[in-house]
Amino acid sequence: TTDGRTCPVNAANSFSDTWGAPRSGGRTHKGVDMV
């Protein structure tokens, strides 16, 4: 892009917005999972 960035996965990938979703140990999700 014009700001010098590119997709971190150089292949077909799929992801969704799961920020804040519950995780084990009382944690919450702090990222995005790119399959």
PDB file of all heavy atoms in Angstrom:
ATOM      1  N   THR A   1       0.833  -1.199   0.000  1.00  0.00           N
ATOM      2  CA  THR A   1       0.000   0.000   0.000  1.00  0.00           C
ATOM      3  C   THR A   1       0.870   1.253   0.000  1.00  0.00           C
ATOM      4  O   THR A   1       2.091   1.190   0.149  1.00  0.00           O
ATOM      5  CB  THR A   1      -0.922   0.012   1.233  1.00  0.00           C
ATOM      6  OG1 THR A   1      -0.112   0.007   2.418  1.00  0.00           O
ATOM      7  CG2 THR A   1      -1.821  -1.217   1.247  1.00  0.00           C
ATOM      8  N   THR A   2       0.229   2.390  -0.113  1.00  0.00           N
ATOM      9  CA  THR A   2       0.962   3.654  -0.169  1.00  0.00           C
ATOM     10  C   THR A   2       1.703   3.945   1.138  1.00  0.00           C
ATOM     11  O   THR A   2       2.673   4.697   1.140  1.00  0.00           O
ATOM     12  CB  THR A   2      -0.001   4.812  -0.474  1.00  0.00           C
ATOM     13  OG1 THR A   2      -1.079   4.788   0.473  1.00  0.00           O
ATOM     14  CG2 THR A   2      -0.576   4.684  -1.880  1.00  0.00           C
ATOM     15  N   ASP A   3       1.240   3.352   2.245  1.00  0.00           N
ATOM     16  CA  ASP A   3       1.947   3.581   3.508  1.00  0.00           C
ATOM     17  C   ASP A   3       2.980   2.496   3.777  1.00  0.00           C
ATOM     18  O   ASP A   3       3.489   2.376   4.894  1.00  0.00           O
ATOM     19  CB  ASP A   3       0.969   3.701   4.678  1.00  0.00           C
ATOM     20  CG  ASP A   3       0.205   2.412   4.934  1.00  0.00           C
ATOM     21  OD1 ASP A   3       0.286   1.487   4.095  1.00  0.00           O
ATOM     22  OD2 ASP A   3      -0.472   2.324   5.973  1.00  0.00           O
ATOM     23  N   GLY A   4       3.306   1.680   2.757  1.00  0.00           N
ATOM     24  CA  GLY A   4       4.395   0.723   2.875  1.00  0.00           C
ATOM     25  C   GLY A   4       4.056  -0.550   3.614  1.00  0.00           C
ATOM     26  O   GLY A   4       4.936  -1.175   4.210  1.00  0.00           O
ATOM     27  N   ARG A   5       2.800  -1.006   3.557  1.00  0.00           N
ATOM     28  CA  ARG A   5       2.395  -2.232   4.235  1.00  0.00           C
ATOM     29  C   ARG A   5       1.856  -3.248   3.235  1.00  0.00           C
ATOM     30  O   ARG A   5       1.438  -2.890   2.131  1.00  0.00           O
ATOM     31  CB  ARG A   5       1.311  -1.937   5.279  1.00  0.00           C
ATOM     32  CG  ARG A   5       1.814  -1.231   6.529  1.00  0.00           C
ATOM     33  CD  ARG A   5       0.653  -0.867   7.416  1.00  0.00           C
ATOM     34  NE  ARG A   5       1.080  -0.369   8.716  1.00  0.00           N
ATOM     35  CZ  ARG A   5       0.359   0.447   9.467  1.00  0.00           C
ATOM     36  NH1 ARG A   5      -0.817   0.849   9.047  1.00  0.00           N
ATOM     37  NH2 ARG A   5       0.816   0.850  10.640  1.00  0.00           N
ATOM     38  N   THR A   6       1.863  -4.506   3.653  1.00  0.00           N
ATOM     39  CA  THR A   6       1.299  -5.577   2.836  1.00  0.00           C
ATOM     40  C   THR A   6       0.625  -6.581   3.761  1.00  0.00           C
ATOM     41  O   THR A   6       0.806  -6.553   4.981  1.00  0.00           O
ATOM     42  CB  THR A   6       2.387  -6.263   1.993  1.00  0.00           C
ATOM     43  OG1 THR A   6       1.773  -7.117   1.026  1.00  0.00           O
ATOM     44  CG2 THR A   6       3.323  -7.108   2.862  1.00  0.00           C
ATOM     45  N   CYS A   7      -0.152  -7.484   3.181  1.00  0.00           N
ATOM     46  CA  CYS A   7      -0.849  -8.505   3.971  1.00  0.00           C
ATOM     47  C   CYS A   7       0.181  -9.421   4.642  1.00  0.00           C
ATOM     48  O   CYS A   7       1.123  -9.878   3.985  1.00  0.00           O
ATOM     49  CB  CYS A   7      -1.777  -9.319   3.071  1.00  0.00           C
ATOM     50  SG  CYS A   7      -2.710 -10.598   3.938  1.00  0.00           S
ATOM     51  N   PRO A   8       0.042  -9.721   5.930  1.00  0.00           N
ATOM     52  CA  PRO A   8       1.040 -10.556   6.613  1.00  0.00           C
ATOM     53  C   PRO A   8       1.020 -12.020   6.189  1.00  0.00           C
ATOM     54  O   PRO A   8       1.951 -12.753   6.512  1.00  0.00           O
ATOM     55  CB  PRO A   8       0.668 -10.408   8.094  1.00  0.00           C
ATOM     56  CG  PRO A   8      -0.771 -10.040   8.098  1.00  0.00           C
ATOM     57  CD  PRO A   8      -0.978  -9.221   6.866  1.00  0.00           C
ATOM     58  N   VAL A   9      -0.027 -12.462   5.485  1.00  0.00           N
ATOM     59  CA  VAL A   9      -0.096 -13.838   4.981  1.00  0.00           C
ATOM     60  C   VAL A   9      -0.064 -13.794   3.461  1.00  0.00           C
ATOM     61  O   VAL A   9      -0.996 -13.292   2.826  1.00  0.00           O
ATOM     62  CB  VAL A   9      -1.368 -14.562   5.456  1.00  0.00           C
ATOM     63  CG1 VAL A   9      -1.390 -15.998   4.942  1.00  0.00           C
ATOM     64  CG2 VAL A   9      -1.462 -14.541   6.976  1.00  0.00           C
ATOM     65  N   ASN A  10       1.013 -14.289   2.864  1.00  0.00           N
ATOM     66  CA  ASN A  10       1.158 -14.254   1.412  1.00  0.00           C
ATOM     67  C   ASN A  10       0.565 -15.524   0.804  1.00  0.00           C
ATOM     68  O   ASN A  10       1.249 -16.325   0.170  1.00  0.00           O
ATOM     69  CB  ASN A  10       2.633 -14.118   1.026  1.00  0.00           C
ATOM     70  CG  ASN A  10       2.805 -13.967  -0.484  1.00  0.00           C
ATOM     71  OD1 ASN A  10       1.854 -13.631  -1.191  1.00  0.00           O
ATOM     72  ND2 ASN A  10       4.000 -14.225  -0.971  1.00  0.00           N
ATOM     73  N   ALA A  11      -0.730 -15.719   1.040  1.00  0.00           N
ATOM     74  CA  ALA A  11      -1.453 -16.883   0.533  1.00  0.00           C
ATOM     75  C   ALA A  11      -2.926 -16.629   0.787  1.00  0.00           C
ATOM     76  O   ALA A  11      -3.295 -15.695   1.507  1.00  0.00           O
ATOM     77  CB  ALA A  11      -0.998 -18.169   1.236  1.00  0.00           C
ATOM     78  N   ALA A  12      -3.766 -17.467   0.199  1.00  0.00           N
ATOM     79  CA  ALA A  12      -5.190 -17.364   0.489  1.00  0.00           C
ATOM     80  C   ALA A  12      -5.395 -17.567   1.988  1.00  0.00           C
ATOM     81  O   ALA A  12      -4.812 -18.460   2.583  1.00  0.00           O
ATOM     82  CB  ALA A  12      -5.971 -18.408  -0.300  1.00  0.00           C
ATOM     83  N   ASN A  13      -6.214 -16.728   2.578  1.00  0.00           N
ATOM     84  CA  ASN A  13      -6.438 -16.810   4.015  1.00  0.00           C
ATOM     85  C   ASN A  13      -7.843 -16.347   4.332  1.00  0.00           C
ATOM     86  O   ASN A  13      -8.501 -15.694   3.518  1.00  0.00           O
ATOM     87  CB  ASN A  13      -5.404 -15.974   4.773  1.00  0.00           C
ATOM     88  CG  ASN A  13      -5.468 -14.501   4.389  1.00  0.00           C
ATOM     89  OD1 ASN A  13      -6.267 -13.742   4.932  1.00  0.00           O
ATOM     90  ND2 ASN A  13      -4.625 -14.092   3.435  1.00  0.00           N
ATOM     91  N   SER A  14      -8.300 -16.690   5.500  1.00  0.00           N
ATOM     92  CA  SER A  14      -9.631 -16.270   5.934  1.00  0.00           C
ATOM     93  C   SER A  14      -9.561 -15.889   7.401  1.00  0.00           C
ATOM     94  O   SER A  14      -8.838 -16.509   8.186  1.00  0.00           O
ATOM     95  CB  SER A  14     -10.636 -17.408   5.721  1.00  0.00           C
ATOM     96  OG  SER A  14     -11.941 -16.981   6.061  1.00  0.00           O
ATOM     97  N   PHE A  15     -10.320 -14.871   7.772  1.00  0.00           N
ATOM     98  CA  PHE A  15     -10.278 -14.371   9.145  1.00  0.00           C
ATOM     99  C   PHE A  15     -11.591 -13.682   9.454  1.00  0.00           C
ATOM    100  O   PHE A  15     -12.397 -13.398   8.552  1.00  0.00           O
ATOM    101  CB  PHE A  15      -9.107 -13.396   9.329  1.00  0.00           C
ATOM    102  CG  PHE A  15      -9.081 -12.286   8.311  1.00  0.00           C
ATOM    103  CD1 PHE A  15      -9.748 -11.092   8.541  1.00  0.00           C
ATOM    104  CD2 PHE A  15      -8.410 -12.452   7.115  1.00  0.00           C
ATOM    105  CE1 PHE A  15      -9.740 -10.076   7.594  1.00  0.00           C
ATOM    106  CE2 PHE A  15      -8.391 -11.439   6.160  1.00  0.00           C
ATOM    107  CZ  PHE A  15      -9.059 -10.253   6.404  1.00  0.00           C
ATOM    108  N   SER A  16     -11.844 -13.440  10.717  1.00  0.00           N
ATOM    109  CA  SER A  16     -13.056 -12.746  11.145  1.00  0.00           C
ATOM    110  C   SER A  16     -12.723 -11.913  12.375  1.00  0.00           C
ATOM    111  O   SER A  16     -11.653 -12.062  12.972  1.00  0.00           O
ATOM    112  CB  SER A  16     -14.185 -13.740  11.452  1.00  0.00           C
ATOM    113  OG  SER A  16     -13.765 -14.664  12.442  1.00  0.00           O
ATOM    114  N   ASP A  17     -13.638 -11.034  12.740  1.00  0.00           N
ATOM    115  CA  ASP A  17     -13.416 -10.131  13.869  1.00  0.00           C
ATOM    116  C   ASP A  17     -13.809 -10.839  15.161  1.00  0.00           C
ATOM    117  O   ASP A  17     -14.984 -10.946  15.498  1.00  0.00           O
ATOM    118  CB  ASP A  17     -14.242  -8.864  13.680  1.00  0.00           C
ATOM    119  CG  ASP A  17     -13.888  -7.787  14.699  1.00  0.00           C
ATOM    120  OD1 ASP A  17     -13.070  -8.065  15.599  1.00  0.00           O
ATOM    121  OD2 ASP A  17     -14.437  -6.672  14.599  1.00  0.00           O
ATOM    122  N   THR A  18     -12.812 -11.349  15.892  1.00  0.00           N
ATOM    123  CA  THR A  18     -13.062 -12.043  17.166  1.00  0.00           C
ATOM    124  C   THR A  18     -12.394 -11.316  18.327  1.00  0.00           C
ATOM    125  O   THR A  18     -12.118 -11.918  19.360  1.00  0.00           O
ATOM    126  CB  THR A  18     -12.553 -13.492  17.098  1.00  0.00           C
ATOM    127  OG1 THR A  18     -11.163 -13.489  16.718  1.00  0.00           O
ATOM    128  CG2 THR A  18     -13.334 -14.297  16.079  1.00  0.00           C
ATOM    129  N   TRP A  19     -12.121 -10.037  18.152  1.00  0.00           N
ATOM    130  CA  TRP A  19     -11.492  -9.247  19.210  1.00  0.00           C
ATOM    131  C   TRP A  19     -12.381  -9.268  20.461  1.00  0.00           C
ATOM    132  O   TRP A  19     -13.579  -9.009  20.404  1.00  0.00           O
ATOM    133  CB  TRP A  19     -11.306  -7.811  18.736  1.00  0.00           C
ATOM    134  CG  TRP A  19     -10.757  -6.864  19.765  1.00  0.00           C
ATOM    135  CD1 TRP A  19     -11.471  -6.025  20.568  1.00  0.00           C
ATOM    136  CD2 TRP A  19      -9.376  -6.665  20.103  1.00  0.00           C
ATOM    137  NE1 TRP A  19     -10.630  -5.314  21.378  1.00  0.00           N
ATOM    138  CE2 TRP A  19      -9.335  -5.680  21.112  1.00  0.00           C
ATOM    139  CE3 TRP A  19      -8.184  -7.205  19.655  1.00  0.00           C
ATOM    140  CZ2 TRP A  19      -8.149  -5.239  21.684  1.00  0.00           C
ATOM    141  CZ3 TRP A  19      -7.002  -6.767  20.219  1.00  0.00           C
ATOM    142  CH2 TRP A  19      -6.985  -5.791  21.213  1.00  0.00           C
ATOM    143  N   GLY A  20     -11.784  -9.579  21.609  1.00  0.00           N
ATOM    144  CA  GLY A  20     -12.525  -9.583  22.866  1.00  0.00           C
ATOM    145  C   GLY A  20     -13.281 -10.860  23.166  1.00  0.00           C
ATOM    146  O   GLY A  20     -13.920 -10.969  24.217  1.00  0.00           O
ATOM    147  N   ALA A  21     -13.243 -11.844  22.253  1.00  0.00           N
ATOM    148  CA  ALA A  21     -13.960 -13.098  22.486  1.00  0.00           C
ATOM    149  C   ALA A  21     -13.346 -13.835  23.674  1.00  0.00           C
ATOM    150  O   ALA A  21     -12.141 -13.746  23.917  1.00  0.00           O
ATOM    151  CB  ALA A  21     -13.912 -13.981  21.241  1.00  0.00           C
ATOM    152  N   PRO A  22     -14.163 -14.575  24.457  1.00  0.00           N
ATOM    153  CA  PRO A  22     -13.631 -15.264  25.645  1.00  0.00           C
ATOM    154  C   PRO A  22     -12.663 -16.377  25.273  1.00  0.00           C
ATOM    155  O   PRO A  22     -12.833 -17.054  24.262  1.00  0.00           O
ATOM    156  CB  PRO A  22     -14.889 -15.826  26.319  1.00  0.00           C
ATOM    157  CG  PRO A  22     -15.904 -15.929  25.223  1.00  0.00           C
ATOM    158  CD  PRO A  22     -15.612 -14.796  24.291  1.00  0.00           C
ATOM    159  N   ARG A  23     -11.644 -16.520  26.098  1.00  0.00           N
ATOM    160  CA  ARG A  23     -10.664 -17.584  25.933  1.00  0.00           C
ATOM    161  C   ARG A  23     -10.440 -18.251  27.289  1.00  0.00           C
ATOM    162  O   ARG A  23     -10.895 -17.742  28.321  1.00  0.00           O
ATOM    163  CB  ARG A  23      -9.338 -17.034  25.378  1.00  0.00           C
ATOM    164  CG  ARG A  23      -9.429 -16.570  23.920  1.00  0.00           C
ATOM    165  CD  ARG A  23      -9.683 -17.743  22.991  1.00  0.00           C
ATOM    166  NE  ARG A  23      -9.613 -17.370  21.582  1.00  0.00           N
ATOM    167  CZ  ARG A  23     -10.655 -17.044  20.837  1.00  0.00           C
ATOM    168  NH1 ARG A  23     -11.874 -17.007  21.400  1.00  0.00           N
ATOM    169  NH2 ARG A  23     -10.527 -16.752  19.563  1.00  0.00           N
ATOM    170  N   SER A  24      -9.740 -19.366  27.297  1.00  0.00           N
ATOM    171  CA  SER A  24      -9.517 -20.110  28.530  1.00  0.00           C
ATOM    172  C   SER A  24      -8.726 -19.275  29.534  1.00  0.00           C
ATOM    173  O   SER A  24      -8.001 -18.346  29.163  1.00  0.00           O
ATOM    174  CB  SER A  24      -8.765 -21.406  28.226  1.00  0.00           C
ATOM    175  OG  SER A  24      -7.492 -21.121  27.656  1.00  0.00           O
ATOM    176  N   GLY A  25      -8.869 -19.633  30.803  1.00  0.00           N
ATOM    177  CA  GLY A  25      -8.140 -18.935  31.852  1.00  0.00           C
ATOM    178  C   GLY A  25      -8.654 -17.539  32.128  1.00  0.00           C
ATOM    179  O   GLY A  25      -7.950 -16.720  32.729  1.00  0.00           O
ATOM    180  N   GLY A  26      -9.882 -17.244  31.675  1.00  0.00           N
ATOM    181  CA  GLY A  26     -10.446 -15.918  31.890  1.00  0.00           C
ATOM    182  C   GLY A  26      -9.899 -14.864  30.949  1.00  0.00           C
ATOM    183  O   GLY A  26     -10.174 -13.672  31.114  1.00  0.00           O
ATOM    184  N   ARG A  27      -9.108 -15.289  29.942  1.00  0.00           N
ATOM    185  CA  ARG A  27      -8.538 -14.333  29.001  1.00  0.00           C
ATOM    186  C   ARG A  27      -9.578 -13.902  27.964  1.00  0.00           C
ATOM    187  O   ARG A  27     -10.634 -14.521  27.817  1.00  0.00           O
ATOM    188  CB  ARG A  27      -7.343 -14.955  28.250  1.00  0.00           C
ATOM    189  CG  ARG A  27      -6.202 -15.372  29.135  1.00  0.00           C
ATOM    190  CD  ARG A  27      -5.108 -16.067  28.322  1.00  0.00           C
ATOM    191  NE  ARG A  27      -5.579 -17.309  27.719  1.00  0.00           N
ATOM    192  CZ  ARG A  27      -5.669 -17.549  26.427  1.00  0.00           C
ATOM    193  NH1 ARG A  27      -5.322 -16.608  25.550  1.00  0.00           N
ATOM    194  NH2 ARG A  27      -6.099 -18.706  25.968  1.00  0.00           N
ATOM    195  N   THR A  28      -9.276 -12.837  27.231  1.00  0.00           N
ATOM    196  CA  THR A  28     -10.052 -12.455  26.055  1.00  0.00           C
ATOM    197  C   THR A  28      -9.112 -12.390  24.855  1.00  0.00           C
ATOM    198  O   THR A  28      -7.904 -12.206  25.014  1.00  0.00           O
ATOM    199  CB  THR A  28     -10.747 -11.088  26.244  1.00  0.00           C
ATOM    200  OG1 THR A  28      -9.748 -10.097  26.535  1.00  0.00           O
ATOM    201  CG2 THR A  28     -11.765 -11.148  27.370  1.00  0.00           C
ATOM    202  N   HIS A  29      -9.685 -12.550  23.669  1.00  0.00           N
ATOM    203  CA  HIS A  29      -8.865 -12.587  22.460  1.00  0.00           C
ATOM    204  C   HIS A  29      -8.352 -11.195  22.129  1.00  0.00           C
ATOM    205  O   HIS A  29      -9.129 -10.246  22.004  1.00  0.00           O
ATOM    206  CB  HIS A  29      -9.702 -13.135  21.304  1.00  0.00           C
ATOM    207  CG  HIS A  29      -8.890 -13.622  20.161  1.00  0.00           C
ATOM    208  ND1 HIS A  29      -9.248 -13.437  18.845  1.00  0.00           N
ATOM    209  CD2 HIS A  29      -7.714 -14.303  20.128  1.00  0.00           C
ATOM    210  CE1 HIS A  29      -8.339 -13.985  18.065  1.00  0.00           C
ATOM    211  NE2 HIS A  29      -7.410 -14.520  18.815  1.00  0.00           N
ATOM    212  N   LYS A  30      -7.034 -11.070  21.954  1.00  0.00           N
ATOM    213  CA  LYS A  30      -6.405  -9.774  21.712  1.00  0.00           C
ATOM    214  C   LYS A  30      -5.835  -9.664  20.296  1.00  0.00           C
ATOM    215  O   LYS A  30      -4.903  -8.899  20.064  1.00  0.00           O
ATOM    216  CB  LYS A  30      -5.284  -9.538  22.728  1.00  0.00           C
ATOM    217  CG  LYS A  30      -5.762  -9.419  24.168  1.00  0.00           C
ATOM    218  CD  LYS A  30      -6.666  -8.223  24.363  1.00  0.00           C
ATOM    219  CE  LYS A  30      -7.048  -8.045  25.827  1.00  0.00           C
ATOM    220  NZ  LYS A  30      -8.002  -6.913  26.002  1.00  0.00           N
ATOM    221  N   GLY A  31      -6.368 -10.428  19.373  1.00  0.00           N
ATOM    222  CA  GLY A  31      -5.850 -10.366  18.009  1.00  0.00           C
ATOM    223  C   GLY A  31      -6.877 -10.839  17.015  1.00  0.00           C
ATOM    224  O   GLY A  31      -8.076 -10.885  17.298  1.00  0.00           O
ATOM    225  N   VAL A  32      -6.381 -11.203  15.831  1.00  0.00           N
ATOM    226  CA  VAL A  32      -7.224 -11.787  14.793  1.00  0.00           C
ATOM    227  C   VAL A  32      -6.560 -13.083  14.352  1.00  0.00           C
ATOM    228  O   VAL A  32      -5.334 -13.143  14.202  1.00  0.00           O
ATOM    229  CB  VAL A  32      -7.413 -10.826  13.597  1.00  0.00           C
ATOM    230  CG1 VAL A  32      -6.094 -10.478  12.940  1.00  0.00           C
ATOM    231  CG2 VAL A  32      -8.380 -11.411  12.570  1.00  0.00           C
ATOM    232  N   ASP A  33      -7.352 -14.142  14.213  1.00  0.00           N
ATOM    233  CA  ASP A  33      -6.839 -15.436  13.775  1.00  0.00           C
ATOM    234  C   ASP A  33      -7.019 -15.560  12.269  1.00  0.00           C
ATOM    235  O   ASP A  33      -8.139 -15.540  11.761  1.00  0.00           O
ATOM    236  CB  ASP A  33      -7.576 -16.583  14.483  1.00  0.00           C
ATOM    237  CG  ASP A  33      -7.217 -16.668  15.956  1.00  0.00           C
ATOM    238  OD1 ASP A  33      -6.107 -16.230  16.307  1.00  0.00           O
ATOM    239  OD2 ASP A  33      -8.038 -17.170  16.745  1.00  0.00           O
ATOM    240  N   MET A  34      -5.895 -15.696  11.555  1.00  0.00           N
ATOM    241  CA  MET A  34      -5.912 -15.770  10.097  1.00  0.00           C
ATOM    242  C   MET A  34      -5.636 -17.219   9.685  1.00  0.00           C
ATOM    243  O   MET A  34      -4.527 -17.721   9.827  1.00  0.00           O
ATOM    244  CB  MET A  34      -4.874 -14.818   9.508  1.00  0.00           C
ATOM    245  CG  MET A  34      -5.043 -13.386   9.971  1.00  0.00           C
ATOM    246  SD  MET A  34      -3.872 -12.224   9.215  1.00  0.00           S
ATOM    247  CE  MET A  34      -4.447 -12.234   7.504  1.00  0.00           C
ATOM    248  N   VAL A  35      -6.669 -17.885   9.190  1.00  0.00           N
ATOM    249  CA  VAL A  35      -6.577 -19.294   8.824  1.00  0.00           C
ATOM    250  C   VAL A  35      -5.986 -19.402   7.419  1.00  0.00           C
ATOM    251  O   VAL A  35      -6.433 -18.733   6.486  1.00  0.00           O
ATOM    252  CB  VAL A  35      -7.963 -19.958   8.866  1.00  0.00           C
ATOM    253  CG1 VAL A  35      -7.865 -21.439   8.504  1.00  0.00           C
ATOM    254  CG2 VAL A  35      -8.583 -19.794  10.247  1.00  0.00           C
TER     255      VAL A  35
END
